[in-house]
């Protein structure tokens, strides 16, 4: 979504014979169209370091993982449970998750 922001430019003019005061300064006001990326970058520039790190973590999570990354994550977890632990996990899932509660709808 493109956004607009108001930009105010104040100009003080001086020459060798006179100096314009602040009250006499000219101001220009215009609307500037800002892309979502530019808007986000401007917001990020205002964040303190801890909030900036939180934003960076969130942004990294938005990027989809490649097939290779997903396969590597699966390979790292494959075989991490003993047969007993896997049986227990399966039993708990069946008891707690694979039930239909008609009153809940």
Foldseek 3Di string as FASTA:
>chain_A
DKDKDKDKDWDWDDDPVDTDDSVRIDIDIDIDIDDPVRVVVVVLVPDDPVVNVVVVVVVVVVDDDDPVVVVVVVVVCPPPDDPVRVVVVVVCCCVPPVDDDPVVD
